[in-house]
C-alpha atoms as a PDB file:
ATOM      1  CA  ASP A   1     -39.158  88.523 -33.459  1.00  0.00           C
ATOM      2  CA  THR A   2     -37.672  85.390 -34.885  1.00  0.00           C
ATOM      3  CA  ALA A   3     -35.551  83.177 -33.037  1.00  0.00           C
ATOM      4  CA  PRO A   4     -32.290  81.807 -34.794  1.00  0.00           C
ATOM      5  CA  THR A   5     -32.078  78.108 -34.424  1.00  0.00           C
ATOM      6  CA  LEU A   6     -33.898  75.114 -32.944  1.00  0.00           C
ATOM      7  CA  LEU A   7     -32.160  71.911 -32.333  1.00  0.00           C
ATOM      8  CA  LEU A   8     -34.415  68.837 -32.181  1.00  0.00           C
ATOM      9  CA  TYR A   9     -33.052  65.587 -31.022  1.00  0.00           C
ATOM     10  CA  SER A  10     -34.188  62.115 -30.739  1.00  0.00           C
ATOM     11  CA  SER A  11     -31.513  60.287 -28.503  1.00  0.00           C
ATOM     12  CA  HIS A  12     -32.002  56.844 -27.429  1.00  0.00           C
ATOM     13  CA  TYR A  13     -28.564  56.294 -25.792  1.00  0.00           C
ATOM     14  CA  GLY A  14     -27.610  59.896 -25.498  1.00  0.00           C
ATOM     15  CA  THR A  15     -25.258  60.682 -28.222  1.00  0.00           C
ATOM     16  CA  ALA A  16     -27.693  62.744 -30.447  1.00  0.00           C
ATOM     17  CA  ARG A  17     -28.579  64.727 -27.395  1.00  0.00           C
ATOM     18  CA  PHE A  18     -24.794  65.128 -26.696  1.00  0.00           C
ATOM     19  CA  TYR A  19     -24.116  66.584 -30.102  1.00  0.00           C
ATOM     20  CA  ALA A  20     -27.238  68.864 -29.848  1.00  0.00           C
ATOM     21  CA  GLU A  21     -25.777  70.270 -26.623  1.00  0.00           C
ATOM     22  CA  GLN A  22     -22.361  70.808 -28.167  1.00  0.00           C
ATOM     23  CA  LEU A  23     -23.946  72.723 -30.962  1.00  0.00           C
ATOM     24  CA  ALA A  24     -26.093  74.907 -28.638  1.00  0.00           C
ATOM     25  CA  ALA A  25     -22.880  75.558 -26.666  1.00  0.00           C
ATOM     26  CA  GLN A  26     -21.156  76.844 -29.780  1.00  0.00           C
ATOM     27  CA  ARG A  27     -24.025  78.760 -31.240  1.00  0.00           C
ATOM     28  CA  GLU A  28     -27.197  80.580 -29.710  1.00  0.00           C
ATOM     29  CA  CYS A  29     -29.530  77.678 -30.220  1.00  0.00           C
ATOM     30  CA  ASP A  30     -32.621  76.320 -28.436  1.00  0.00           C
ATOM     31  CA  LEU A  31     -32.918  72.611 -27.584  1.00  0.00           C
ATOM     32  CA  ALA A  32     -35.929  70.276 -27.736  1.00  0.00           C
ATOM     33  CA  PRO A  33     -36.754  66.632 -27.827  1.00  0.00           C
ATOM     34  CA  ALA A  34     -38.150  65.882 -31.303  1.00  0.00           C
ATOM     35  CA  SER A  35     -40.888  63.834 -29.999  1.00  0.00           C
ATOM     36  CA  SER A  36     -42.638  66.439 -28.069  1.00  0.00           C
ATOM     37  CA  VAL A  37     -42.476  69.520 -30.215  1.00  0.00           C
ATOM     38  CA  LYS A  38     -45.661  71.037 -31.849  1.00  0.00           C
ATOM     39  CA  LEU A  39     -45.896  72.839 -35.155  1.00  0.00           C
ATOM     40  CA  THR A  40     -46.607  76.047 -33.297  1.00  0.00           C
ATOM     41  CA  GLN A  41     -43.328  75.857 -31.394  1.00  0.00           C
ATOM     42  CA  LEU A  42     -41.371  75.416 -34.735  1.00  0.00           C
ATOM     43  CA  ARG A  43     -42.716  78.441 -36.523  1.00  0.00           C
ATOM     44  CA  PRO A  44     -40.778  81.235 -34.910  1.00  0.00           C
ATOM     45  CA  TYR A  45     -37.404  79.795 -35.907  1.00  0.00           C
ATOM     46  CA  GLN A  46     -35.365  80.547 -38.946  1.00  0.00           C
ATOM     47  CA  THR A  47     -33.386  77.307 -38.711  1.00  0.00           C
ATOM     48  CA  LEU A  48     -34.385  73.898 -37.777  1.00  0.00           C
ATOM     49  CA  ILE A  49     -31.787  71.027 -37.222  1.00  0.00           C
ATOM     50  CA  TRP A  50     -33.049  67.534 -36.598  1.00  0.00           C
ATOM     51  CA  ILE A  51     -30.441  65.256 -34.848  1.00  0.00           C
ATOM     52  CA  GLY A  52     -31.145  61.645 -34.441  1.00  0.00           C
ATOM     53  CA  GLY A  53     -29.491  58.309 -34.016  1.00  0.00           C
ATOM     54  CA  VAL A  54     -29.301  55.832 -36.870  1.00  0.00           C
ATOM     55  CA  TYR A  55     -30.915  52.614 -36.253  1.00  0.00           C
ATOM     56  CA  SER A  56     -31.189  49.968 -39.192  1.00  0.00           C
ATOM     57  CA  GLU A  57     -30.523  52.837 -41.674  1.00  0.00           C
ATOM     58  CA  THR A  58     -33.422  54.784 -40.241  1.00  0.00           C
ATOM     59  CA  ILE A  59     -32.821  58.186 -38.489  1.00  0.00           C
ATOM     60  CA  ALA A  60     -34.809  58.546 -35.208  1.00  0.00           C
ATOM     61  CA  GLY A  61     -37.059  61.541 -34.776  1.00  0.00           C
ATOM     62  CA  LEU A  62     -37.945  62.242 -38.486  1.00  0.00           C
ATOM     63  CA  GLU A  63     -41.450  61.250 -37.912  1.00  0.00           C
ATOM     64  CA  THR A  64     -42.104  64.754 -36.549  1.00  0.00           C
ATOM     65  CA  LEU A  65     -40.362  66.541 -39.440  1.00  0.00           C
ATOM     66  CA  GLN A  66     -42.152  64.327 -41.922  1.00  0.00           C
ATOM     67  CA  ARG A  67     -45.630  65.333 -40.236  1.00  0.00           C
ATOM     68  CA  TYR A  68     -44.900  69.135 -40.290  1.00  0.00           C
ATOM     69  CA  TYR A  69     -42.628  69.469 -43.303  1.00  0.00           C
ATOM     70  CA  ALA A  70     -45.230  70.472 -45.877  1.00  0.00           C
ATOM     71  CA  LYS A  71     -46.830  72.850 -43.564  1.00  0.00           C
ATOM     72  CA  LEU A  72     -43.394  74.548 -42.692  1.00  0.00           C
ATOM     73  CA  MET A  73     -42.508  74.886 -46.211  1.00  0.00           C
ATOM     74  CA  ALA A  74     -45.733  76.406 -47.111  1.00  0.00           C
ATOM     75  CA  ALA A  75     -45.147  79.469 -44.953  1.00  0.00           C
ATOM     76  CA  SER A  76     -43.875  82.598 -46.529  1.00  0.00           C
ATOM     77  CA  ASP A  77     -41.015  82.615 -43.966  1.00  0.00           C
ATOM     78  CA  ALA A  78     -40.187  78.994 -44.280  1.00  0.00           C
ATOM     79  CA  PRO A  79     -37.106  77.914 -42.048  1.00  0.00           C
ATOM     80  CA  ARG A  80     -34.011  76.397 -43.313  1.00  0.00           C
ATOM     81  CA  ILE A  81     -33.969  72.750 -42.284  1.00  0.00           C
ATOM     82  CA  ALA A  82     -31.155  70.234 -42.091  1.00  0.00           C
ATOM     83  CA  VAL A  83     -30.720  66.785 -40.453  1.00  0.00           C
ATOM     84  CA  LEU A  84     -27.699  65.465 -38.549  1.00  0.00           C
ATOM     85  CA  ALA A  85     -27.573  61.618 -38.373  1.00  0.00           C
ATOM     86  CA  VAL A  86     -25.584  60.092 -35.514  1.00  0.00           C
ATOM     87  CA  GLY A  87     -24.245  56.500 -35.779  1.00  0.00           C
ATOM     88  CA  ALA A  88     -21.559  54.105 -34.869  1.00  0.00           C
ATOM     89  CA  ALA A  89     -20.448  53.557 -38.490  1.00  0.00           C
ATOM     90  CA  PRO A  90     -17.605  55.523 -40.035  1.00  0.00           C
ATOM     91  CA  ALA A  91     -18.590  58.542 -41.941  1.00  0.00           C
ATOM     92  CA  GLU A  92     -17.809  56.803 -45.273  1.00  0.00           C
ATOM     93  CA  ALA A  93     -20.095  53.756 -44.445  1.00  0.00           C
ATOM     94  CA  ALA A  94     -22.989  56.246 -43.756  1.00  0.00           C
ATOM     95  CA  ALA A  95     -22.792  57.725 -47.288  1.00  0.00           C
ATOM     96  CA  SER A  96     -25.700  55.467 -48.247  1.00  0.00           C
ATOM     97  CA  LEU A  97     -28.042  57.177 -45.766  1.00  0.00           C
ATOM     98  CA  ALA A  98     -30.692  59.076 -47.472  1.00  0.00           C
ATOM     99  CA  LEU A  99     -33.851  61.035 -46.315  1.00  0.00           C
ATOM    100  CA  PRO A 100     -37.271  59.659 -47.317  1.00  0.00           C
ATOM    101  CA  GLY A 101     -39.739  61.176 -49.735  1.00  0.00           C
ATOM    102  CA  ALA A 102     -40.297  64.923 -49.593  1.00  0.00           C
ATOM    103  CA  LEU A 103     -37.254  65.253 -47.186  1.00  0.00           C
ATOM    104  CA  ALA A 104     -34.853  63.942 -49.806  1.00  0.00           C
ATOM    105  CA  GLY A 105     -33.740  67.604 -50.675  1.00  0.00           C
ATOM    106  CA  ILE A 106     -32.702  68.580 -47.141  1.00  0.00           C
ATOM    107  CA  PRO A 107     -29.074  68.763 -46.314  1.00  0.00           C
ATOM    108  CA  LEU A 108     -28.062  65.633 -44.339  1.00  0.00           C
ATOM    109  CA  PHE A 109     -24.999  65.580 -42.178  1.00  0.00           C
ATOM    110  CA  TYR A 110     -23.430  62.721 -40.232  1.00  0.00           C
ATOM    111  CA  ALA A 111     -21.489  62.553 -37.077  1.00  0.00           C
ATOM    112  CA  ARG A 112     -19.973  59.362 -35.679  1.00  0.00           C
ATOM    113  CA  GLY A 113     -21.383  58.467 -32.252  1.00  0.00           C
ATOM    114  CA  ARG A 114     -20.779  55.704 -29.671  1.00  0.00           C
ATOM    115  CA  TRP A 115     -20.908  52.072 -29.376  1.00  0.00           C
ATOM    116  CA  ASN A 116     -21.776  50.381 -26.068  1.00  0.00           C
ATOM    117  CA  PRO A 117     -22.982  46.872 -26.137  1.00  0.00           C
ATOM    118  CA  GLN A 118     -23.450  46.818 -22.295  1.00  0.00           C
ATOM    119  CA  ALA A 119     -25.800  49.862 -22.453  1.00  0.00           C
ATOM    120  CA  MET A 120     -28.094  48.533 -25.166  1.00  0.00           C
ATOM    121  CA  ASP A 121     -31.688  47.707 -24.313  1.00  0.00           C
ATOM    122  CA  PHE A 122     -33.019  44.007 -24.764  1.00  0.00           C
ATOM    123  CA  LYS A 123     -34.354  44.740 -28.370  1.00  0.00           C
ATOM    124  CA  ASP A 124     -31.047  46.196 -29.583  1.00  0.00           C
ATOM    125  CA  ALA A 125     -28.891  43.445 -27.774  1.00  0.00           C
ATOM    126  CA  LEU A 126     -31.093  40.896 -29.344  1.00  0.00           C
ATOM    127  CA  MET A 127     -30.585  42.394 -32.779  1.00  0.00           C
ATOM    128  CA  ILE A 128     -26.781  42.385 -32.279  1.00  0.00           C
ATOM    129  CA  LYS A 129     -26.854  38.832 -31.160  1.00  0.00           C
ATOM    130  CA  MET A 130     -28.645  37.822 -34.297  1.00  0.00           C
ATOM    131  CA  LEU A 131     -26.266  39.794 -36.437  1.00  0.00           C
ATOM    132  CA  ARG A 132     -23.226  38.204 -34.627  1.00  0.00           C
ATOM    133  CA  ALA A 133     -24.774  34.868 -35.499  1.00  0.00           C
ATOM    134  CA  ALA A 134     -25.342  35.677 -39.104  1.00  0.00           C
ATOM    135  CA  LEU A 135     -21.828  36.994 -39.438  1.00  0.00           C
ATOM    136  CA  ALA A 136     -20.323  33.765 -37.872  1.00  0.00           C
ATOM    137  CA  ARG A 137     -21.902  31.942 -40.864  1.00  0.00           C
ATOM    138  CA  LYS A 138     -21.061  34.537 -43.589  1.00  0.00           C
ATOM    139  CA  PRO A 139     -18.521  37.071 -42.312  1.00  0.00           C
ATOM    140  CA  GLU A 140     -17.877  38.459 -45.882  1.00  0.00           C
ATOM    141  CA  VAL A 141     -21.290  39.904 -46.069  1.00  0.00           C
ATOM    142  CA  ALA A 142     -20.408  42.688 -43.687  1.00  0.00           C
ATOM    143  CA  PRO A 143     -17.870  45.511 -43.965  1.00  0.00           C
ATOM    144  CA  GLY A 144     -14.746  45.232 -41.793  1.00  0.00           C
ATOM    145  CA  TRP A 145     -15.744  48.054 -39.537  1.00  0.00           C
ATOM    146  CA  MET A 146     -19.108  46.365 -38.692  1.00  0.00           C
ATOM    147  CA  ARG A 147     -17.365  43.022 -38.021  1.00  0.00           C
ATOM    148  CA  GLN A 148     -14.915  44.824 -35.658  1.00  0.00           C
ATOM    149  CA  LEU A 149     -17.803  46.647 -33.795  1.00  0.00           C
ATOM    150  CA  LEU A 150     -20.001  43.346 -33.469  1.00  0.00           C
ATOM    151  CA  GLU A 151     -16.945  41.423 -32.189  1.00  0.00           C
ATOM    152  CA  SER A 152     -16.190  43.962 -29.600  1.00  0.00           C
ATOM    153  CA  GLU A 153     -17.773  43.943 -26.043  1.00  0.00           C
ATOM    154  CA  GLU A 154     -15.991  47.174 -24.984  1.00  0.00           C
ATOM    155  CA  ALA A 155     -17.572  50.567 -25.180  1.00  0.00           C
ATOM    156  CA  GLN A 156     -16.231  52.810 -27.766  1.00  0.00           C
ATOM    157  CA  ASP A 157     -16.480  56.653 -28.175  1.00  0.00           C
ATOM    158  CA  PHE A 158     -16.112  57.997 -31.743  1.00  0.00           C
ATOM    159  CA  THR A 159     -17.465  61.505 -31.095  1.00  0.00           C
ATOM    160  CA  ALA A 160     -15.578  64.439 -32.325  1.00  0.00           C
ATOM    161  CA  ASP A 161     -16.110  68.065 -32.703  1.00  0.00           C
ATOM    162  CA  ILE A 162     -15.018  67.975 -36.361  1.00  0.00           C
ATOM    163  CA  TYR A 163     -18.361  66.213 -37.267  1.00  0.00           C
ATOM    164  CA  LEU A 164     -20.017  69.373 -36.192  1.00  0.00           C
ATOM    165  CA  ASP A 165     -18.101  71.814 -38.538  1.00  0.00           C
ATOM    166  CA  PRO A 166     -20.492  71.447 -41.388  1.00  0.00           C
ATOM    167  CA  VAL A 167     -23.655  71.814 -39.220  1.00  0.00           C
ATOM    168  CA  LEU A 168     -22.265  74.972 -37.757  1.00  0.00           C
ATOM    169  CA  ASP A 169     -21.493  76.341 -41.085  1.00  0.00           C
ATOM    170  CA  PHE A 170     -25.160  75.546 -42.111  1.00  0.00           C
ATOM    171  CA  ILE A 171     -26.451  77.399 -39.062  1.00  0.00           C
ATOM    172  CA  SER A 172     -24.214  80.383 -39.885  1.00  0.00           C
ATOM    173  CA  GLY A 173     -25.703  80.282 -43.234  1.00  0.00           C
ATOM    174  CA  ARG A 174     -22.514  79.376 -44.992  1.00  0.00           C
END
């Protein structure tokens, strides 16, 4: 018996997991952290959705998909696979996101997430501090939305159910 959908998430600050839970609540889906899943756990599913935060134009959690992709696609009952990237940038700014190598043909969706400078770990806070310093010298190199976020110390929540509509359609086979 084949299970319908598995949502795999990689969530450093919780927004990718939030979206995974929202999807699971709207469709009959199983959830699992992407980092701990094994190939044998993926095989029973008809549909796999990888959900990960965007960090420096890289989508978290894709290492597992890259490791298993060829084996998954070689099976006679290969699953349908899609990726949902989650980031603080507006959707139009995320249009430059692309999946690497063999994953390039997989449907890629985007959902806007959250921005909370106070919750950032040391590494991310240091990167933000360096970006702010660079932008102070050359503000024209960054788009307006990025300058606004970097200048803000307040938490902002951009999550919205509408970002999930194309993913829900994919899960439903539309």
